[in-house]
Amino acid sequence: MNDCQRCSQFPELKSKGYLLFHSKNTMITHSLKKIVQKYEENDSLVFVPYTSFEHLEEMVLKIRASFTKEEKEQLVGTYTDENKNQNRFVNMTSFPVLSERLKNRDFVSIINKRMFTQHLQPIISLQQNDVFGYEFLLRPLPNGYPFSPGELFSFSQRAGLQSNLDSQARIASIEISSRLVKPGVKRFINFLPSSIYDPNHCLKSTFKAVEKYGVAPTDLVFEVVETEKIQNMDHLKMIFRTYQEHGMKVALDDLGSGFSSVEVLKELKPNFTKIDRSLIAYCDQDQEKQSRIKEILDIGNAYGMTVLAEGIERPEEAQFCQQVGISLAQGYFFGKPNDQPLVQDQLSEQRVY
């Protein structure tokens, strides 16, 4: 069975080709033909030729202005090359989503061609004062197309390319980690639960990358990315179980803020749980925060989870977390995300508590 079409790469948009449209509403199809004027028809499919990117943009603007919001949702389409390659038709989507892809071609190329890298932020053992692992964070290539990671992820959601970006980012993290990180050092890699429709199918490309690049499954920790809301607890449990059955660990992010709660922690029982910066900031001065941190730590200990404190920026925060028994920590105090791993000498310089 092939990799999931929702997660894998798809052909690049060419400067000359066809837009392909279909609608179950025949009135919309009829109106579309009058708008574009020049077209070819094959059964219920309407092929609209374009001769340049400028011509493509003009056509998209004309179609967008000619239909209501409801009508545009009923019009589905994609793009194809001059040969009308049938493999491209699997990418048909609603016109609003398609237009996002067409007007942001640079972002589509960045996702499709994996034109990004990963920066590594160290995760420190507070008891041993050494590097336990690294979290991998998506960043632009040094000499590549500049972009904001937040804007790229936001675009991927609007353009229905969230699964593609999520999959490509996981593969890039695995590949880069195989070159930069020593065996035995954990690699924390983010993922979006909503991008994984069927774990056994959608994660095939991830597991293939693990094998291809010779990374030990036990060195990998996949964590639910921050800001991602848990909509389906059973689905997330199934994703966790699939990772774990392949010898990998899982982590829950953002404990103490947003969607993550103590109840969620008890139900999911991840291998690692990360306490959010909102709880860690000035925790040395806030008794309420200290109480909540200790509650999370007690649950983690009871269920065999390893607790990590995120966003440490002050030595006092690191000292408090160490004293109450939190095992791991990360944050600007120890090191910002960088394109090279932290060495032990650099870590020793940071230790001032």
Protein backbone atom coordinates (compact mmCIF):
# COMPACT_ATOMS: atom_id res chain seq x y z
CA MET A 1 0.00 0.00 0.00
CA ASN A 2 1.31 3.46 -0.87
CA ASP A 3 1.83 6.29 1.57
CA CYS A 4 -1.23 8.39 2.37
CA GLN A 5 -1.97 10.96 -0.34
CA ARG A 6 -2.85 13.48 2.36
CA CYS A 7 0.64 13.25 3.85
CA SER A 8 2.92 12.62 0.87
CA GLN A 9 4.37 14.99 -1.70
CA PHE A 10 2.32 16.02 -4.70
CA PRO A 11 3.36 17.39 -8.12
CA GLU A 12 4.59 20.95 -8.37
CA LEU A 13 2.37 23.65 -9.86
CA LYS A 14 3.65 24.45 -13.37
CA SER A 15 3.60 27.86 -15.07
CA LYS A 16 1.41 26.37 -17.80
CA GLY A 17 -1.33 23.80 -17.39
CA TYR A 18 -4.97 23.37 -16.43
CA LEU A 19 -7.25 24.12 -13.54
CA LEU A 20 -9.67 21.25 -13.09
CA PHE A 21 -13.14 21.84 -11.60
CA HIS A 22 -16.20 19.83 -10.67
CA SER A 23 -19.47 20.61 -8.91
CA LYS A 24 -22.53 18.53 -8.16
CA ASN A 25 -24.51 21.75 -8.63
CA THR A 26 -25.01 22.02 -12.40
CA MET A 27 -25.88 25.73 -12.15
CA ILE A 28 -22.45 26.42 -10.66
CA THR A 29 -20.79 24.42 -13.43
CA HIS A 30 -22.78 26.33 -16.05
CA SER A 31 -21.81 29.68 -14.52
CA LEU A 32 -18.15 28.64 -14.35
CA LYS A 33 -18.07 27.92 -18.08
CA LYS A 34 -19.49 31.37 -18.85
CA ILE A 35 -16.91 33.02 -16.57
CA VAL A 36 -13.80 31.28 -17.94
CA GLN A 37 -15.11 31.10 -21.55
CA LYS A 38 -12.26 28.88 -22.72
CA TYR A 39 -12.42 25.34 -21.37
CA GLU A 40 -12.44 21.64 -22.20
CA GLU A 41 -14.95 19.19 -20.80
CA ASN A 42 -14.67 15.51 -19.95
CA ASP A 43 -17.83 14.02 -18.43
CA SER A 44 -18.49 16.21 -15.36
CA LEU A 45 -14.96 17.63 -15.26
CA VAL A 46 -14.13 21.11 -16.58
CA PHE A 47 -10.52 21.72 -17.65
CA VAL A 48 -9.60 25.42 -17.76
CA PRO A 49 -6.25 26.15 -19.45
CA TYR A 50 -3.84 28.78 -18.15
CA THR A 51 -0.70 30.00 -19.91
CA SER A 52 1.26 31.70 -17.10
CA PHE A 53 1.13 32.32 -13.38
CA GLU A 54 -0.22 35.81 -14.07
CA HIS A 55 -3.00 34.32 -16.19
CA LEU A 56 -3.71 31.80 -13.42
CA GLU A 57 -3.99 34.54 -10.79
CA GLU A 58 -6.36 36.59 -12.98
CA MET A 59 -8.60 33.57 -13.47
CA VAL A 60 -8.71 32.74 -9.77
CA LEU A 61 -9.63 36.33 -8.90
CA LYS A 62 -12.41 36.32 -11.50
CA ILE A 63 -13.88 33.05 -10.20
CA ARG A 64 -13.62 34.21 -6.58
CA ALA A 65 -15.51 37.42 -7.36
CA SER A 66 -18.24 35.66 -9.33
CA PHE A 67 -19.56 33.20 -6.74
CA THR A 68 -21.02 33.47 -3.27
CA LYS A 69 -19.24 31.91 -0.30
CA GLU A 70 -21.64 28.96 -0.34
CA GLU A 71 -21.19 28.43 -4.08
CA LYS A 72 -17.40 28.48 -3.78
CA GLU A 73 -17.59 25.75 -1.16
CA GLN A 74 -19.57 23.60 -3.62
CA LEU A 75 -16.99 24.09 -6.38
CA VAL A 76 -14.09 21.68 -6.02
CA GLY A 77 -10.90 21.73 -8.02
CA THR A 78 -7.22 21.11 -8.39
CA TYR A 79 -4.52 21.77 -10.99
CA THR A 80 -2.86 19.54 -13.52
CA ASP A 81 -0.10 19.79 -16.08
CA GLU A 82 -0.44 20.06 -19.84
CA ASN A 83 -0.70 16.27 -20.10
CA LYS A 84 -3.66 16.19 -17.70
CA ASN A 85 -1.86 13.76 -15.41
CA GLN A 86 -4.59 11.73 -13.68
CA ASN A 87 -2.50 11.26 -10.53
CA ARG A 88 -3.05 14.91 -9.71
CA PHE A 89 -6.82 14.58 -9.42
CA VAL A 90 -6.58 13.06 -5.93
CA ASN A 91 -5.76 16.56 -4.64
CA MET A 92 -9.19 18.02 -5.46
CA THR A 93 -10.47 20.30 -2.74
CA SER A 94 -12.93 23.16 -2.25
CA PHE A 95 -12.26 26.34 -4.23
CA PRO A 96 -11.39 28.48 -1.13
CA VAL A 97 -8.72 25.94 -0.13
CA LEU A 98 -7.48 25.60 -3.71
CA SER A 99 -7.18 29.38 -4.09
CA GLU A 100 -5.05 29.52 -0.93
CA ARG A 101 -2.64 27.05 -2.53
CA LEU A 102 -2.58 28.92 -5.84
CA LYS A 103 -1.93 32.38 -4.39
CA ASN A 104 0.77 31.13 -1.97
CA ARG A 105 2.89 29.10 -4.35
CA ASP A 106 6.09 29.76 -2.36
CA PHE A 107 4.59 28.21 0.77
CA VAL A 108 3.37 25.21 -1.25
CA SER A 109 6.90 24.70 -2.62
CA ILE A 110 8.43 25.01 0.86
CA ILE A 111 6.16 22.23 2.13
CA ASN A 112 6.28 20.05 -0.95
CA LYS A 113 10.05 20.23 -1.49
CA ARG A 114 10.91 20.27 2.22
CA MET A 115 12.65 23.64 1.86
CA PHE A 116 13.27 24.07 5.59
CA THR A 117 15.55 22.82 8.30
CA GLN A 118 15.25 22.02 12.00
CA HIS A 119 16.90 23.84 14.89
CA LEU A 120 17.71 21.94 18.05
CA GLN A 121 16.88 23.16 21.56
CA PRO A 122 18.62 21.23 24.33
CA ILE A 123 16.69 19.31 26.97
CA ILE A 124 18.73 19.02 30.14
CA SER A 125 18.84 16.47 32.94
CA LEU A 126 18.58 18.62 36.06
CA GLN A 127 20.05 15.90 38.24
CA GLN A 128 22.98 14.89 36.01
CA ASN A 129 23.62 18.32 34.42
CA ASP A 130 24.00 16.85 30.94
CA VAL A 131 22.10 16.87 27.66
CA PHE A 132 19.26 14.34 27.74
CA GLY A 133 17.91 15.23 24.32
CA TYR A 134 16.86 17.94 21.87
CA GLU A 135 13.53 19.28 20.69
CA PHE A 136 13.45 19.80 16.92
CA LEU A 137 11.88 23.08 15.77
CA LEU A 138 11.15 23.97 12.14
CA ARG A 139 13.07 26.96 10.74
CA PRO A 140 13.88 28.44 7.28
CA LEU A 141 17.00 27.31 5.45
CA PRO A 142 19.94 29.74 5.95
CA ASN A 143 19.97 30.81 2.29
CA GLY A 144 16.45 29.73 1.40
CA TYR A 145 13.11 31.47 1.10
CA PRO A 146 12.53 33.43 4.34
CA PHE A 147 9.35 32.64 6.25
CA SER A 148 7.87 32.67 9.72
CA PRO A 149 7.22 29.14 11.03
CA GLY A 150 3.95 30.38 12.53
CA GLU A 151 2.83 31.79 9.17
CA LEU A 152 3.76 28.55 7.39
CA PHE A 153 1.74 26.42 9.83
CA SER A 154 -1.19 28.85 9.62
CA PHE A 155 -1.10 28.67 5.82
CA SER A 156 -0.97 24.87 5.90
CA GLN A 157 -4.22 24.83 7.88
CA ARG A 158 -6.00 27.24 5.52
CA ALA A 159 -4.72 25.35 2.47
CA GLY A 160 -5.50 21.84 3.69
CA LEU A 161 -1.80 20.97 3.70
CA GLN A 162 -1.41 20.43 7.44
CA SER A 163 -0.82 16.69 7.02
CA ASN A 164 1.78 17.27 4.30
CA LEU A 165 3.73 19.79 6.40
CA ASP A 166 3.49 17.67 9.53
CA SER A 167 4.78 14.58 7.72
CA GLN A 168 7.59 16.45 5.95
CA ALA A 169 8.68 18.09 9.22
CA ARG A 170 8.84 14.72 11.01
CA ILE A 171 10.94 13.20 8.22
CA ALA A 172 13.28 16.22 8.18
CA SER A 173 13.76 15.96 11.96
CA ILE A 174 14.64 12.27 11.72
CA GLU A 175 17.09 12.84 8.85
CA ILE A 176 18.83 15.82 10.51
CA SER A 177 19.01 14.03 13.85
CA SER A 178 20.80 11.10 12.22
CA ARG A 179 23.60 13.47 11.20
CA LEU A 180 23.86 15.73 14.23
CA VAL A 181 22.79 13.81 17.33
CA LYS A 182 24.71 10.96 18.93
CA PRO A 183 22.97 7.61 19.52
CA GLY A 184 21.40 7.45 22.96
CA VAL A 185 20.43 11.14 22.97
CA LYS A 186 16.65 11.61 22.72
CA ARG A 187 15.07 13.53 19.81
CA PHE A 188 11.74 15.21 20.66
CA ILE A 189 9.69 15.66 17.47
CA ASN A 190 6.35 17.48 17.33
CA PHE A 191 3.24 16.17 15.62
CA LEU A 192 -0.35 17.27 15.02
CA PRO A 193 -2.92 14.60 15.98
CA SER A 194 -5.43 16.00 13.47
CA SER A 195 -2.95 15.42 10.64
CA ILE A 196 -2.83 11.67 11.27
CA TYR A 197 -6.06 10.13 10.02
CA ASP A 198 -5.07 6.47 10.32
CA PRO A 199 -1.87 5.98 12.37
CA ASN A 200 -1.01 2.63 10.78
CA HIS A 201 -1.22 4.20 7.33
CA CYS A 202 -0.28 7.86 7.79
CA LEU A 203 2.84 7.10 9.87
CA LYS A 204 4.35 4.72 7.31
CA SER A 205 6.56 7.46 5.86
CA THR A 206 7.80 8.31 9.36
CA PHE A 207 8.69 4.70 10.14
CA LYS A 208 10.36 4.32 6.74
CA ALA A 209 12.51 7.39 7.51
CA VAL A 210 13.54 5.91 10.87
CA GLU A 211 14.75 2.78 9.06
CA LYS A 212 16.30 4.67 6.13
CA TYR A 213 18.40 6.99 8.30
CA GLY A 214 19.37 4.36 10.86
CA VAL A 215 17.89 6.09 13.90
CA ALA A 216 17.14 3.87 16.91
CA PRO A 217 13.38 3.96 17.63
CA THR A 218 14.17 4.18 21.36
CA ASP A 219 15.88 7.55 20.75
CA LEU A 220 12.67 9.10 19.39
CA VAL A 221 9.99 10.93 21.39
CA PHE A 222 6.94 12.21 19.51
CA GLU A 223 5.07 14.98 21.28
CA VAL A 224 1.68 16.56 20.68
CA VAL A 225 2.51 19.99 19.31
CA GLU A 226 1.55 23.06 21.33
CA THR A 227 -1.69 24.88 20.40
CA GLU A 228 -3.18 21.65 19.01
CA LYS A 229 -6.47 20.94 20.74
CA ILE A 230 -7.35 17.38 21.61
CA GLN A 231 -10.64 16.73 19.79
CA ASN A 232 -10.68 12.94 19.95
CA MET A 233 -9.07 11.29 22.95
CA ASP A 234 -9.47 7.75 21.59
CA HIS A 235 -7.81 8.76 18.31
CA LEU A 236 -4.84 10.27 20.16
CA LYS A 237 -4.54 7.13 22.29
CA MET A 238 -4.37 5.10 19.09
CA ILE A 239 -1.61 7.35 17.71
CA PHE A 240 0.35 7.04 20.96
CA ARG A 241 -0.07 3.28 20.92
CA THR A 242 1.14 3.04 17.30
CA TYR A 243 4.32 5.00 18.10
CA GLN A 244 4.93 2.91 21.21
CA GLU A 245 4.39 -0.38 19.36
CA HIS A 246 7.24 0.70 17.07
CA GLY A 247 9.54 1.18 20.07
CA MET A 248 9.19 4.97 20.33
CA LYS A 249 8.11 7.20 23.21
CA VAL A 250 5.38 9.85 23.34
CA ALA A 251 5.05 13.16 25.15
CA LEU A 252 2.23 15.53 26.08
CA ASP A 253 2.99 19.23 25.78
CA ASP A 254 1.55 22.32 27.50
CA LEU A 255 0.60 20.86 30.89
CA GLY A 256 -0.83 23.71 32.93
CA SER A 257 -2.19 25.82 30.08
CA GLY A 258 -4.70 25.58 27.27
CA PHE A 259 -6.18 22.20 26.51
CA SER A 260 -3.89 20.06 28.65
CA SER A 261 -5.14 19.29 32.13
CA VAL A 262 -4.40 16.89 34.92
CA GLU A 263 -7.38 14.78 33.82
CA VAL A 264 -5.98 14.51 30.27
CA LEU A 265 -2.61 13.50 31.69
CA LYS A 266 -4.17 10.70 33.74
CA GLU A 267 -6.10 9.37 30.75
CA LEU A 268 -3.31 9.47 28.16
CA LYS A 269 -0.42 8.38 30.40
CA PRO A 270 2.38 9.56 28.07
CA ASN A 271 6.02 8.59 28.64
CA PHE A 272 6.93 12.26 29.07
CA THR A 273 4.88 15.26 30.14
CA LYS A 274 6.01 18.87 29.68
CA ILE A 275 4.94 21.60 32.09
CA ASP A 276 4.16 24.80 30.19
CA ARG A 277 6.12 28.04 30.55
CA SER A 278 3.00 29.74 31.94
CA LEU A 279 3.43 27.64 35.11
CA ILE A 280 7.23 27.72 35.16
CA ALA A 281 7.69 31.49 34.85
CA TYR A 282 8.64 32.86 38.30
CA CYS A 283 7.49 29.62 39.93
CA ASP A 284 10.12 30.23 42.61
CA GLN A 285 8.02 33.20 43.79
CA ASP A 286 4.48 31.87 43.37
CA GLN A 287 3.05 29.36 45.84
CA GLU A 288 -0.02 28.60 43.70
CA LYS A 289 2.20 27.67 40.76
CA GLN A 290 4.38 25.59 43.04
CA SER A 291 1.32 23.66 44.23
CA ARG A 292 0.17 22.94 40.66
CA ILE A 293 3.66 21.90 39.58
CA LYS A 294 3.92 19.48 42.50
CA GLU A 295 0.49 18.03 41.64
CA ILE A 296 1.64 17.30 38.07
CA LEU A 297 4.88 15.86 39.39
CA ASP A 298 3.03 13.57 41.81
CA ILE A 299 0.82 12.24 39.02
CA GLY A 300 3.83 11.76 36.77
CA ASN A 301 5.62 9.78 39.45
CA ALA A 302 2.51 7.71 40.18
CA TYR A 303 2.09 6.69 36.53
CA GLY A 304 5.77 6.32 35.66
CA MET A 305 6.00 9.45 33.51
CA THR A 306 9.08 11.63 33.20
CA VAL A 307 8.29 15.29 33.89
CA LEU A 308 9.97 18.12 31.96
CA ALA A 309 9.83 21.83 32.77
CA GLU A 310 9.58 24.05 29.67
CA GLY A 311 10.56 27.67 29.16
CA ILE A 312 13.10 28.09 31.94
CA GLU A 313 14.73 31.49 31.56
CA ARG A 314 16.04 32.22 35.07
CA PRO A 315 18.41 30.27 37.33
CA GLU A 316 15.88 30.53 40.19
CA GLU A 317 13.30 28.66 38.11
CA ALA A 318 15.82 25.93 37.31
CA GLN A 319 16.79 25.67 40.97
CA PHE A 320 13.18 25.28 42.15
CA CYS A 321 12.46 22.60 39.53
CA GLN A 322 15.58 20.71 40.52
CA GLN A 323 14.76 20.90 44.22
CA VAL A 324 11.21 19.52 43.85
CA GLY A 325 12.48 16.58 41.80
CA ILE A 326 11.65 17.46 38.19
CA SER A 327 13.94 15.36 36.00
CA LEU A 328 14.28 17.40 32.80
CA ALA A 329 14.22 21.03 31.71
CA GLN A 330 14.54 23.20 28.63
CA GLY A 331 14.45 26.91 27.93
CA TYR A 332 16.57 29.90 26.95
CA PHE A 333 18.49 29.63 30.23
CA PHE A 334 20.06 26.43 28.91
CA GLY A 335 20.09 27.23 25.21
CA LYS A 336 18.04 28.69 22.38
CA PRO A 337 17.09 26.64 19.32
CA ASN A 338 20.19 26.36 17.13
CA ASP A 339 21.28 24.54 14.02
CA GLN A 340 23.99 22.66 15.94
CA PRO A 341 23.80 20.55 19.11
CA LEU A 342 24.98 22.00 22.40
CA VAL A 343 28.26 20.58 23.68
CA GLN A 344 28.98 19.78 27.31
CA ASP A 345 31.34 22.73 27.74
CA GLN A 346 28.60 25.14 26.70
CA LEU A 347 26.18 23.56 29.15
CA SER A 348 28.64 23.81 32.02
CA GLU A 349 28.98 27.53 31.39
CA GLN A 350 25.19 27.95 31.84
CA ARG A 351 25.05 26.16 35.19
CA VAL A 352 25.00 28.92 37.79
CA TYR A 353 22.60 27.54 40.41
